[in-house]
N, C-alpha and C. Protein backbone atom coordinates (compact mmCIF):
# COMPACT_ATOMS: atom_id res chain seq x y z
N UNK A 1 -28.40 -24.68 -24.34
CA UNK A 1 -29.00 -23.39 -24.56
C UNK A 1 -28.25 -22.27 -23.86
N UNK A 2 -27.31 -22.66 -23.05
CA UNK A 2 -26.49 -21.64 -22.40
C UNK A 2 -25.80 -20.77 -23.45
N UNK A 3 -25.54 -21.33 -24.62
CA UNK A 3 -24.89 -20.57 -25.68
C UNK A 3 -25.73 -19.35 -26.07
N UNK A 4 -27.04 -19.53 -26.15
CA UNK A 4 -27.91 -18.41 -26.51
C UNK A 4 -27.88 -17.35 -25.43
N UNK A 5 -27.90 -17.77 -24.18
CA UNK A 5 -27.80 -16.80 -23.10
C UNK A 5 -26.47 -16.08 -23.15
N UNK A 6 -25.42 -16.79 -23.53
CA UNK A 6 -24.12 -16.15 -23.65
C UNK A 6 -24.12 -15.07 -24.71
N UNK A 7 -24.90 -15.26 -25.76
CA UNK A 7 -25.01 -14.22 -26.79
C UNK A 7 -25.49 -12.93 -26.15
N UNK A 8 -26.49 -13.07 -25.30
CA UNK A 8 -27.09 -11.90 -24.70
C UNK A 8 -26.22 -11.30 -23.60
N UNK A 9 -25.39 -12.13 -23.00
CA UNK A 9 -24.63 -11.67 -21.85
C UNK A 9 -23.15 -11.47 -22.12
N UNK A 10 -22.69 -11.82 -23.32
CA UNK A 10 -21.25 -11.77 -23.56
C UNK A 10 -20.73 -10.35 -23.43
N UNK A 11 -19.45 -10.23 -23.15
CA UNK A 11 -18.88 -8.93 -22.80
C UNK A 11 -19.03 -7.91 -23.91
N UNK A 12 -18.91 -8.33 -25.18
CA UNK A 12 -19.04 -7.35 -26.26
C UNK A 12 -20.47 -6.83 -26.35
N UNK A 13 -21.45 -7.70 -26.14
CA UNK A 13 -22.84 -7.23 -26.14
C UNK A 13 -23.08 -6.30 -24.96
N UNK A 14 -22.50 -6.64 -23.82
CA UNK A 14 -22.67 -5.80 -22.65
C UNK A 14 -22.05 -4.43 -22.87
N UNK A 15 -20.89 -4.38 -23.52
CA UNK A 15 -20.25 -3.10 -23.80
C UNK A 15 -21.15 -2.22 -24.67
N UNK A 16 -21.79 -2.84 -25.67
CA UNK A 16 -22.66 -2.08 -26.56
C UNK A 16 -23.91 -1.60 -25.85
N UNK A 17 -24.33 -2.29 -24.80
CA UNK A 17 -25.58 -1.96 -24.12
C UNK A 17 -25.37 -1.05 -22.93
N UNK A 18 -24.17 -0.59 -22.67
CA UNK A 18 -23.90 0.21 -21.49
C UNK A 18 -24.66 1.54 -21.47
N UNK A 19 -25.11 2.00 -22.60
CA UNK A 19 -25.81 3.28 -22.63
C UNK A 19 -27.24 3.16 -22.09
N UNK A 20 -27.73 1.96 -21.88
CA UNK A 20 -29.09 1.77 -21.38
C UNK A 20 -29.10 1.99 -19.87
N UNK A 21 -29.89 2.92 -19.44
CA UNK A 21 -30.01 3.18 -18.01
C UNK A 21 -30.77 2.04 -17.35
N UNK A 22 -30.40 1.68 -16.11
CA UNK A 22 -31.09 0.56 -15.44
C UNK A 22 -32.60 0.73 -15.39
N UNK A 23 -33.08 1.94 -15.27
CA UNK A 23 -34.53 2.15 -15.19
C UNK A 23 -35.23 1.85 -16.52
N UNK A 24 -34.44 1.82 -17.62
CA UNK A 24 -35.01 1.56 -18.94
C UNK A 24 -34.99 0.09 -19.32
N UNK A 25 -34.38 -0.74 -18.51
CA UNK A 25 -34.24 -2.15 -18.85
C UNK A 25 -35.13 -3.01 -17.95
N UNK A 26 -35.74 -4.00 -18.54
CA UNK A 26 -36.53 -4.96 -17.78
C UNK A 26 -35.85 -6.31 -17.87
N UNK A 27 -35.67 -6.95 -16.74
CA UNK A 27 -35.08 -8.28 -16.71
C UNK A 27 -36.10 -9.21 -16.09
N UNK A 28 -36.37 -10.28 -16.79
CA UNK A 28 -37.32 -11.26 -16.28
C UNK A 28 -36.72 -12.64 -16.44
N UNK A 29 -37.05 -13.55 -15.54
CA UNK A 29 -36.53 -14.92 -15.71
C UNK A 29 -37.10 -15.56 -16.97
N UNK A 30 -36.23 -16.17 -17.74
CA UNK A 30 -36.64 -16.85 -18.97
C UNK A 30 -36.06 -18.25 -18.92
N UNK A 31 -36.89 -19.23 -19.18
CA UNK A 31 -36.41 -20.61 -19.14
C UNK A 31 -35.69 -20.95 -20.45
N UNK A 32 -34.77 -21.89 -20.35
CA UNK A 32 -34.03 -22.36 -21.53
C UNK A 32 -35.01 -22.95 -22.54
N UNK A 33 -36.00 -23.68 -22.07
CA UNK A 33 -36.95 -24.29 -23.01
C UNK A 33 -37.73 -23.21 -23.76
N UNK A 34 -38.03 -22.10 -23.10
CA UNK A 34 -38.73 -21.01 -23.79
C UNK A 34 -37.84 -20.42 -24.89
N UNK A 35 -36.56 -20.24 -24.59
CA UNK A 35 -35.64 -19.70 -25.59
C UNK A 35 -35.57 -20.65 -26.78
N UNK A 36 -35.46 -21.95 -26.50
CA UNK A 36 -35.40 -22.94 -27.58
C UNK A 36 -36.65 -22.88 -28.45
N UNK A 37 -37.79 -22.76 -27.83
CA UNK A 37 -39.06 -22.79 -28.56
C UNK A 37 -39.39 -21.47 -29.23
N UNK A 38 -39.07 -20.36 -28.60
CA UNK A 38 -39.51 -19.06 -29.11
C UNK A 38 -38.43 -18.28 -29.86
N UNK A 39 -37.19 -18.42 -29.44
CA UNK A 39 -36.13 -17.59 -30.00
C UNK A 39 -35.44 -18.24 -31.20
N UNK A 40 -34.95 -19.45 -31.02
CA UNK A 40 -34.15 -20.08 -32.07
C UNK A 40 -34.90 -20.33 -33.37
N UNK A 41 -36.16 -20.74 -33.36
CA UNK A 41 -36.84 -20.97 -34.64
C UNK A 41 -37.00 -19.71 -35.49
N UNK A 42 -36.75 -18.56 -34.91
CA UNK A 42 -36.85 -17.31 -35.65
C UNK A 42 -35.65 -17.10 -36.58
N UNK A 43 -34.62 -17.93 -36.45
CA UNK A 43 -33.38 -17.73 -37.18
C UNK A 43 -33.00 -18.97 -37.98
N UNK A 44 -32.23 -18.73 -39.04
CA UNK A 44 -31.50 -19.79 -39.73
C UNK A 44 -30.14 -19.83 -39.05
N UNK A 45 -29.76 -20.97 -38.51
CA UNK A 45 -28.52 -21.10 -37.73
C UNK A 45 -27.37 -21.46 -38.67
N UNK A 46 -26.25 -20.73 -38.55
CA UNK A 46 -25.05 -20.94 -39.35
C UNK A 46 -23.86 -21.10 -38.41
N UNK A 47 -23.03 -22.10 -38.66
CA UNK A 47 -21.77 -22.25 -37.93
C UNK A 47 -20.63 -21.92 -38.87
N UNK A 48 -19.65 -21.18 -38.35
CA UNK A 48 -18.50 -20.77 -39.15
C UNK A 48 -17.24 -20.83 -38.28
N UNK A 49 -16.10 -20.77 -38.95
CA UNK A 49 -14.82 -20.78 -38.24
C UNK A 49 -13.82 -19.95 -39.02
N UNK A 50 -12.88 -19.38 -38.30
CA UNK A 50 -11.87 -18.57 -38.95
C UNK A 50 -10.63 -18.44 -38.09
N UNK A 51 -9.71 -17.62 -38.56
CA UNK A 51 -8.46 -17.52 -37.84
C UNK A 51 -7.83 -16.15 -37.83
N UNK A 52 -7.05 -15.95 -36.78
CA UNK A 52 -6.11 -14.84 -36.71
C UNK A 52 -4.77 -15.49 -36.98
N UNK A 53 -4.18 -15.15 -38.11
CA UNK A 53 -2.98 -15.82 -38.58
C UNK A 53 -1.79 -14.89 -38.40
N UNK A 54 -0.72 -15.44 -37.78
CA UNK A 54 0.49 -14.68 -37.51
C UNK A 54 1.64 -15.33 -38.26
N UNK A 55 2.43 -14.51 -38.94
CA UNK A 55 3.60 -15.01 -39.68
C UNK A 55 4.82 -15.07 -38.75
N UNK A 56 5.88 -15.74 -39.19
CA UNK A 56 7.12 -15.75 -38.39
C UNK A 56 7.69 -14.35 -38.19
N UNK A 57 7.36 -13.42 -39.10
CA UNK A 57 7.82 -12.04 -38.99
C UNK A 57 6.87 -11.19 -38.14
N UNK A 58 5.94 -11.86 -37.44
CA UNK A 58 4.96 -11.20 -36.56
C UNK A 58 4.03 -10.25 -37.31
N UNK A 59 3.64 -10.65 -38.51
CA UNK A 59 2.63 -9.90 -39.26
C UNK A 59 1.33 -10.69 -39.23
N UNK A 60 0.22 -9.97 -39.36
CA UNK A 60 -1.11 -10.57 -39.28
C UNK A 60 -1.76 -10.58 -40.66
N UNK A 61 -2.48 -11.63 -40.94
CA UNK A 61 -3.11 -11.80 -42.24
C UNK A 61 -4.51 -11.17 -42.24
N UNK A 62 -4.71 -10.18 -43.09
CA UNK A 62 -6.00 -9.52 -43.25
C UNK A 62 -6.45 -9.66 -44.70
N UNK A 63 -7.76 -9.66 -44.89
CA UNK A 63 -8.33 -9.66 -46.23
C UNK A 63 -9.27 -8.47 -46.36
N UNK A 64 -9.44 -8.00 -47.58
CA UNK A 64 -10.39 -6.93 -47.88
C UNK A 64 -11.56 -7.57 -48.62
N UNK A 65 -12.74 -7.51 -47.98
CA UNK A 65 -13.94 -8.12 -48.54
C UNK A 65 -15.10 -7.13 -48.38
N UNK A 66 -15.82 -6.90 -49.47
CA UNK A 66 -17.00 -6.02 -49.42
C UNK A 66 -16.67 -4.65 -48.82
N UNK A 67 -15.53 -4.12 -49.20
CA UNK A 67 -15.08 -2.79 -48.77
C UNK A 67 -14.78 -2.68 -47.28
N UNK A 68 -14.56 -3.81 -46.62
CA UNK A 68 -14.16 -3.83 -45.21
C UNK A 68 -12.94 -4.73 -45.05
N UNK A 69 -12.12 -4.42 -44.06
CA UNK A 69 -11.04 -5.32 -43.68
C UNK A 69 -11.65 -6.42 -42.84
N UNK A 70 -11.15 -7.63 -43.04
CA UNK A 70 -11.75 -8.80 -42.43
C UNK A 70 -10.64 -9.81 -42.13
N UNK A 71 -11.00 -10.85 -41.43
CA UNK A 71 -10.12 -11.99 -41.19
C UNK A 71 -10.70 -13.18 -41.93
N UNK A 72 -9.87 -14.10 -42.39
CA UNK A 72 -10.39 -15.26 -43.13
C UNK A 72 -11.31 -16.11 -42.25
N UNK A 73 -12.47 -16.43 -42.81
CA UNK A 73 -13.44 -17.25 -42.08
C UNK A 73 -14.49 -17.73 -43.06
N UNK A 74 -15.25 -18.73 -42.65
CA UNK A 74 -16.34 -19.19 -43.50
C UNK A 74 -17.14 -20.29 -42.84
N UNK A 75 -18.19 -20.67 -43.54
CA UNK A 75 -19.15 -21.65 -43.01
C UNK A 75 -18.58 -23.06 -43.00
N UNK A 76 -19.01 -23.83 -42.02
CA UNK A 76 -18.67 -25.24 -41.96
C UNK A 76 -19.37 -25.99 -43.08
N UNK A 77 -18.69 -26.95 -43.66
CA UNK A 77 -19.30 -27.85 -44.64
C UNK A 77 -19.80 -29.08 -43.89
N UNK A 78 -20.66 -29.85 -44.52
CA UNK A 78 -21.25 -31.03 -43.89
C UNK A 78 -20.16 -31.96 -43.36
N UNK A 79 -20.29 -32.36 -42.11
CA UNK A 79 -19.37 -33.30 -41.50
C UNK A 79 -18.04 -32.71 -41.06
N UNK A 80 -17.86 -31.43 -41.21
CA UNK A 80 -16.59 -30.77 -40.92
C UNK A 80 -16.58 -30.25 -39.49
N UNK A 81 -15.42 -30.32 -38.84
CA UNK A 81 -15.27 -29.73 -37.52
C UNK A 81 -14.94 -28.24 -37.66
N UNK A 82 -15.04 -27.52 -36.56
CA UNK A 82 -14.68 -26.11 -36.58
C UNK A 82 -13.20 -25.93 -36.95
N UNK A 83 -12.33 -26.79 -36.43
CA UNK A 83 -10.89 -26.70 -36.74
C UNK A 83 -10.66 -26.94 -38.23
N UNK A 84 -11.26 -27.98 -38.77
CA UNK A 84 -11.11 -28.27 -40.20
C UNK A 84 -11.61 -27.11 -41.06
N UNK A 85 -12.74 -26.56 -40.68
CA UNK A 85 -13.30 -25.45 -41.45
C UNK A 85 -12.39 -24.22 -41.38
N UNK A 86 -11.86 -23.92 -40.21
CA UNK A 86 -10.99 -22.75 -40.07
C UNK A 86 -9.76 -22.88 -40.97
N UNK A 87 -9.12 -24.04 -40.94
CA UNK A 87 -7.94 -24.25 -41.78
C UNK A 87 -8.28 -24.20 -43.27
N UNK A 88 -9.38 -24.83 -43.65
CA UNK A 88 -9.80 -24.84 -45.05
C UNK A 88 -10.12 -23.43 -45.53
N UNK A 89 -10.86 -22.69 -44.74
CA UNK A 89 -11.25 -21.34 -45.15
C UNK A 89 -10.05 -20.42 -45.32
N UNK A 90 -9.07 -20.52 -44.44
CA UNK A 90 -7.87 -19.70 -44.59
C UNK A 90 -7.16 -20.06 -45.89
N UNK A 91 -7.03 -21.37 -46.15
CA UNK A 91 -6.37 -21.81 -47.40
C UNK A 91 -7.14 -21.28 -48.62
N UNK A 92 -8.47 -21.45 -48.63
CA UNK A 92 -9.27 -21.05 -49.79
C UNK A 92 -9.26 -19.55 -49.99
N UNK A 93 -9.39 -18.79 -48.92
CA UNK A 93 -9.55 -17.35 -49.06
C UNK A 93 -8.25 -16.60 -49.28
N UNK A 94 -7.11 -17.21 -48.90
CA UNK A 94 -5.85 -16.48 -48.98
C UNK A 94 -4.73 -17.23 -49.71
N UNK A 95 -4.85 -18.54 -49.85
CA UNK A 95 -3.80 -19.33 -50.46
C UNK A 95 -2.74 -19.81 -49.49
N UNK A 96 -2.81 -19.44 -48.21
CA UNK A 96 -1.83 -19.88 -47.22
C UNK A 96 -2.11 -21.34 -46.87
N UNK A 97 -1.10 -22.18 -47.02
CA UNK A 97 -1.31 -23.61 -46.84
C UNK A 97 -0.60 -24.21 -45.62
N UNK A 98 0.51 -23.64 -45.21
CA UNK A 98 1.29 -24.24 -44.12
C UNK A 98 0.95 -23.53 -42.81
N UNK A 99 -0.08 -24.04 -42.14
CA UNK A 99 -0.63 -23.42 -40.93
C UNK A 99 -0.66 -24.40 -39.77
N UNK A 100 -0.49 -23.87 -38.58
CA UNK A 100 -0.69 -24.65 -37.35
C UNK A 100 -1.58 -23.85 -36.42
N UNK A 101 -2.56 -24.52 -35.85
CA UNK A 101 -3.40 -23.88 -34.84
C UNK A 101 -2.66 -23.95 -33.52
N UNK A 102 -2.49 -22.79 -32.88
CA UNK A 102 -1.80 -22.74 -31.59
C UNK A 102 -2.75 -22.51 -30.43
N UNK A 103 -4.00 -22.22 -30.73
CA UNK A 103 -4.98 -22.03 -29.67
C UNK A 103 -6.31 -21.60 -30.21
N UNK A 104 -7.31 -21.68 -29.35
CA UNK A 104 -8.64 -21.18 -29.71
C UNK A 104 -8.80 -19.83 -29.05
N UNK A 105 -9.31 -18.88 -29.80
CA UNK A 105 -9.43 -17.51 -29.30
C UNK A 105 -10.76 -17.30 -28.59
N UNK A 106 -11.81 -17.20 -29.34
CA UNK A 106 -13.13 -16.87 -28.80
C UNK A 106 -14.18 -17.27 -29.82
N UNK A 107 -15.41 -17.03 -29.50
CA UNK A 107 -16.51 -17.21 -30.46
C UNK A 107 -17.27 -15.90 -30.55
N UNK A 108 -17.74 -15.60 -31.74
CA UNK A 108 -18.59 -14.42 -31.91
C UNK A 108 -19.92 -14.86 -32.48
N UNK A 109 -20.93 -14.08 -32.23
CA UNK A 109 -22.27 -14.33 -32.75
C UNK A 109 -22.73 -13.05 -33.43
N UNK A 110 -23.35 -13.17 -34.57
CA UNK A 110 -24.00 -11.99 -35.14
C UNK A 110 -25.20 -12.40 -35.96
N UNK A 111 -26.07 -11.44 -36.12
CA UNK A 111 -27.31 -11.65 -36.86
C UNK A 111 -27.23 -10.80 -38.12
N UNK A 112 -27.63 -11.39 -39.24
CA UNK A 112 -27.68 -10.63 -40.48
C UNK A 112 -28.82 -11.15 -41.33
N UNK A 113 -29.15 -10.38 -42.32
CA UNK A 113 -30.25 -10.73 -43.22
C UNK A 113 -29.67 -11.07 -44.58
N UNK A 114 -30.25 -12.08 -45.21
CA UNK A 114 -29.80 -12.49 -46.54
C UNK A 114 -31.04 -12.56 -47.44
N UNK A 115 -30.96 -12.02 -48.65
CA UNK A 115 -32.14 -11.95 -49.50
C UNK A 115 -32.72 -13.31 -49.90
N UNK A 116 -31.94 -14.38 -49.77
CA UNK A 116 -32.44 -15.70 -50.16
C UNK A 116 -33.17 -16.42 -49.02
N UNK A 117 -33.20 -15.81 -47.84
CA UNK A 117 -33.85 -16.43 -46.69
C UNK A 117 -34.93 -15.49 -46.13
N UNK A 118 -36.03 -16.09 -45.70
CA UNK A 118 -37.10 -15.30 -45.10
C UNK A 118 -36.79 -14.92 -43.66
N UNK A 119 -36.02 -15.77 -42.98
CA UNK A 119 -35.67 -15.52 -41.58
C UNK A 119 -34.25 -14.96 -41.50
N UNK A 120 -33.96 -14.18 -40.46
CA UNK A 120 -32.59 -13.69 -40.29
C UNK A 120 -31.65 -14.84 -39.96
N UNK A 121 -30.37 -14.63 -40.24
CA UNK A 121 -29.34 -15.63 -39.98
C UNK A 121 -28.72 -15.35 -38.61
N UNK A 122 -28.51 -16.41 -37.85
CA UNK A 122 -27.80 -16.32 -36.58
C UNK A 122 -26.51 -17.10 -36.76
N UNK A 123 -25.40 -16.39 -36.83
CA UNK A 123 -24.12 -17.01 -37.19
C UNK A 123 -23.17 -17.01 -36.00
N UNK A 124 -22.69 -18.23 -35.68
CA UNK A 124 -21.66 -18.39 -34.66
C UNK A 124 -20.35 -18.66 -35.39
N UNK A 125 -19.32 -17.87 -35.06
CA UNK A 125 -18.00 -18.08 -35.62
C UNK A 125 -17.03 -18.37 -34.49
N UNK A 126 -16.36 -19.52 -34.58
CA UNK A 126 -15.30 -19.85 -33.64
C UNK A 126 -13.98 -19.43 -34.25
N UNK A 127 -13.18 -18.71 -33.47
CA UNK A 127 -11.92 -18.14 -33.93
C UNK A 127 -10.74 -18.89 -33.34
N UNK A 128 -9.76 -19.16 -34.19
CA UNK A 128 -8.55 -19.87 -33.78
C UNK A 128 -7.33 -19.00 -34.05
N UNK A 129 -6.33 -19.14 -33.19
CA UNK A 129 -5.05 -18.46 -33.39
C UNK A 129 -4.17 -19.43 -34.16
N UNK A 130 -3.62 -18.97 -35.27
CA UNK A 130 -2.81 -19.82 -36.14
C UNK A 130 -1.45 -19.19 -36.41
N UNK A 131 -0.48 -20.06 -36.57
CA UNK A 131 0.85 -19.66 -36.98
C UNK A 131 1.08 -20.14 -38.41
N UNK A 132 1.51 -19.24 -39.27
CA UNK A 132 1.90 -19.62 -40.63
C UNK A 132 3.39 -19.93 -40.61
N UNK A 133 3.80 -20.92 -41.39
CA UNK A 133 5.21 -21.30 -41.44
C UNK A 133 6.06 -20.22 -42.11
N UNK A 134 5.42 -19.45 -43.01
CA UNK A 134 6.13 -18.38 -43.72
C UNK A 134 5.09 -17.38 -44.22
N UNK A 135 5.59 -16.27 -44.74
CA UNK A 135 4.69 -15.29 -45.37
C UNK A 135 4.54 -15.69 -46.84
N UNK A 136 3.74 -16.74 -47.03
CA UNK A 136 3.50 -17.24 -48.38
C UNK A 136 2.89 -16.15 -49.25
N UNK A 137 3.08 -16.30 -50.55
CA UNK A 137 2.41 -15.41 -51.50
C UNK A 137 0.91 -15.59 -51.32
N UNK A 138 0.20 -14.48 -51.22
CA UNK A 138 -1.24 -14.52 -50.96
C UNK A 138 -2.03 -14.47 -52.25
N UNK A 139 -3.09 -15.27 -52.29
CA UNK A 139 -3.97 -15.33 -53.45
C UNK A 139 -5.40 -15.10 -52.97
N UNK A 140 -5.91 -13.88 -53.08
CA UNK A 140 -7.28 -13.61 -52.62
C UNK A 140 -8.31 -14.40 -53.43
N UNK A 141 -9.31 -14.93 -52.76
CA UNK A 141 -10.37 -15.70 -53.42
C UNK A 141 -11.40 -14.71 -53.99
N UNK A 142 -11.21 -14.34 -55.24
CA UNK A 142 -12.03 -13.31 -55.87
C UNK A 142 -13.50 -13.67 -55.92
N UNK A 143 -13.80 -14.97 -56.14
CA UNK A 143 -15.21 -15.37 -56.24
C UNK A 143 -15.96 -15.21 -54.91
N UNK A 144 -15.23 -15.02 -53.82
CA UNK A 144 -15.85 -14.76 -52.52
C UNK A 144 -15.85 -13.26 -52.19
N UNK A 145 -15.54 -12.45 -53.18
CA UNK A 145 -15.55 -11.00 -52.97
C UNK A 145 -14.30 -10.48 -52.27
N UNK A 146 -13.26 -11.30 -52.18
CA UNK A 146 -12.03 -10.88 -51.52
C UNK A 146 -11.14 -10.22 -52.57
N UNK A 147 -10.93 -8.93 -52.42
CA UNK A 147 -10.18 -8.18 -53.42
C UNK A 147 -8.69 -8.10 -53.10
N UNK A 148 -8.35 -8.31 -51.81
CA UNK A 148 -6.96 -8.16 -51.42
C UNK A 148 -6.69 -8.99 -50.17
N UNK A 149 -5.48 -9.50 -50.06
CA UNK A 149 -5.00 -10.18 -48.86
C UNK A 149 -3.61 -9.65 -48.57
N UNK A 150 -3.38 -9.27 -47.32
CA UNK A 150 -2.10 -8.65 -46.96
C UNK A 150 -1.59 -9.17 -45.62
N UNK A 151 -0.26 -9.25 -45.52
CA UNK A 151 0.39 -9.47 -44.24
C UNK A 151 0.66 -8.07 -43.67
N UNK A 152 0.12 -7.78 -42.49
CA UNK A 152 0.28 -6.45 -41.90
C UNK A 152 0.99 -6.53 -40.56
N UNK A 153 2.01 -5.67 -40.35
CA UNK A 153 2.58 -5.59 -39.01
C UNK A 153 1.49 -5.08 -38.05
N UNK A 154 1.67 -5.34 -36.78
CA UNK A 154 0.66 -4.99 -35.78
C UNK A 154 0.22 -3.53 -35.90
N UNK A 155 1.18 -2.63 -36.04
CA UNK A 155 0.85 -1.20 -36.09
C UNK A 155 -0.05 -0.89 -37.29
N UNK A 156 0.20 -1.51 -38.44
CA UNK A 156 -0.64 -1.29 -39.61
C UNK A 156 -2.01 -1.96 -39.45
N UNK A 157 -2.02 -3.12 -38.79
CA UNK A 157 -3.30 -3.79 -38.54
C UNK A 157 -4.20 -2.91 -37.68
N UNK A 158 -3.62 -2.27 -36.69
CA UNK A 158 -4.39 -1.36 -35.84
C UNK A 158 -4.95 -0.21 -36.67
N UNK A 159 -4.18 0.25 -37.65
CA UNK A 159 -4.62 1.37 -38.51
C UNK A 159 -5.82 1.00 -39.38
N UNK A 160 -5.92 -0.27 -39.82
CA UNK A 160 -7.04 -0.65 -40.70
C UNK A 160 -8.29 -1.05 -39.91
N UNK A 161 -8.16 -1.29 -38.62
CA UNK A 161 -9.31 -1.75 -37.82
C UNK A 161 -10.53 -0.83 -37.86
N UNK A 162 -10.36 0.49 -37.93
CA UNK A 162 -11.58 1.31 -38.01
C UNK A 162 -12.44 1.00 -39.24
N UNK A 163 -11.84 0.40 -40.27
CA UNK A 163 -12.60 0.02 -41.46
C UNK A 163 -12.80 -1.50 -41.52
N UNK A 164 -12.98 -2.10 -40.34
CA UNK A 164 -13.26 -3.53 -40.23
C UNK A 164 -14.61 -3.70 -39.54
N UNK A 165 -15.18 -4.86 -39.70
CA UNK A 165 -16.42 -5.16 -38.98
C UNK A 165 -16.15 -5.09 -37.47
N UNK A 166 -17.15 -4.64 -36.71
CA UNK A 166 -16.98 -4.48 -35.26
C UNK A 166 -16.52 -5.78 -34.60
N UNK A 167 -17.10 -6.90 -34.98
CA UNK A 167 -16.71 -8.17 -34.35
C UNK A 167 -15.25 -8.51 -34.67
N UNK A 168 -14.78 -8.15 -35.86
CA UNK A 168 -13.39 -8.40 -36.24
C UNK A 168 -12.47 -7.54 -35.38
N UNK A 169 -12.82 -6.28 -35.19
CA UNK A 169 -12.03 -5.40 -34.32
C UNK A 169 -11.92 -5.99 -32.92
N UNK A 170 -13.06 -6.43 -32.38
CA UNK A 170 -13.07 -6.95 -31.02
C UNK A 170 -12.23 -8.22 -30.90
N UNK A 171 -12.38 -9.13 -31.85
CA UNK A 171 -11.62 -10.38 -31.80
C UNK A 171 -10.13 -10.08 -31.91
N UNK A 172 -9.75 -9.26 -32.89
CA UNK A 172 -8.33 -8.98 -33.09
C UNK A 172 -7.72 -8.33 -31.86
N UNK A 173 -8.39 -7.33 -31.32
CA UNK A 173 -7.83 -6.63 -30.15
C UNK A 173 -7.78 -7.54 -28.93
N UNK A 174 -8.81 -8.34 -28.73
CA UNK A 174 -8.82 -9.27 -27.60
C UNK A 174 -7.67 -10.27 -27.71
N UNK A 175 -7.51 -10.85 -28.88
CA UNK A 175 -6.46 -11.85 -29.07
C UNK A 175 -5.08 -11.23 -28.96
N UNK A 176 -4.85 -10.12 -29.64
CA UNK A 176 -3.51 -9.55 -29.63
C UNK A 176 -3.17 -8.98 -28.26
N UNK A 177 -4.14 -8.48 -27.55
CA UNK A 177 -3.89 -7.97 -26.21
C UNK A 177 -3.42 -9.08 -25.27
N UNK A 178 -4.04 -10.26 -25.38
CA UNK A 178 -3.74 -11.35 -24.46
C UNK A 178 -2.69 -12.32 -25.00
N UNK A 179 -2.55 -12.42 -26.32
CA UNK A 179 -1.73 -13.48 -26.89
C UNK A 179 -0.43 -13.03 -27.51
N UNK A 180 -0.20 -11.76 -27.69
CA UNK A 180 1.01 -11.32 -28.39
C UNK A 180 2.28 -11.83 -27.71
N UNK A 181 2.24 -11.97 -26.42
CA UNK A 181 3.44 -12.42 -25.72
C UNK A 181 3.75 -13.89 -26.00
N UNK A 182 2.73 -14.72 -26.27
CA UNK A 182 3.00 -16.14 -26.49
C UNK A 182 3.12 -16.49 -27.96
N UNK A 183 2.70 -15.60 -28.85
CA UNK A 183 2.79 -15.87 -30.28
C UNK A 183 4.23 -15.70 -30.71
């Protein structure tokens, strides 16, 4: 259950909550068992995995989905590991097949609502840093709402980030800030 506490305490959540004055916040001890019993049943839990993919030419793979720039990712299938799902989702969403995972980046959590579910979705995405063997021809997965897939140099990737999901911006900046030297 430490994972749920991490959702509440993770650095990105803390950054978003900095505007709350200490006098406006109440902190009370909460047991893990209480969180398990009261918090988690309120959500449909989803596990997903994705990647930040770097080409030999030091370009990053971005996709355009639902009018936002995004990184390839998707839900785990039955019996699949996070690593397997990350590699599969990149292949399916972009057509890139020759990939190697060079490290694990971070995990993100977000809550969203879906019209087919009565409860909100709580989605954990584990992010991996991947190296592509080449800048393969990209094939966006249209049936998943992906209209475009592009290899972008770092400077161009930074330019599209304002039109990306907040979690994507945070993951990309965190990874590139710390990992560009080893990629």
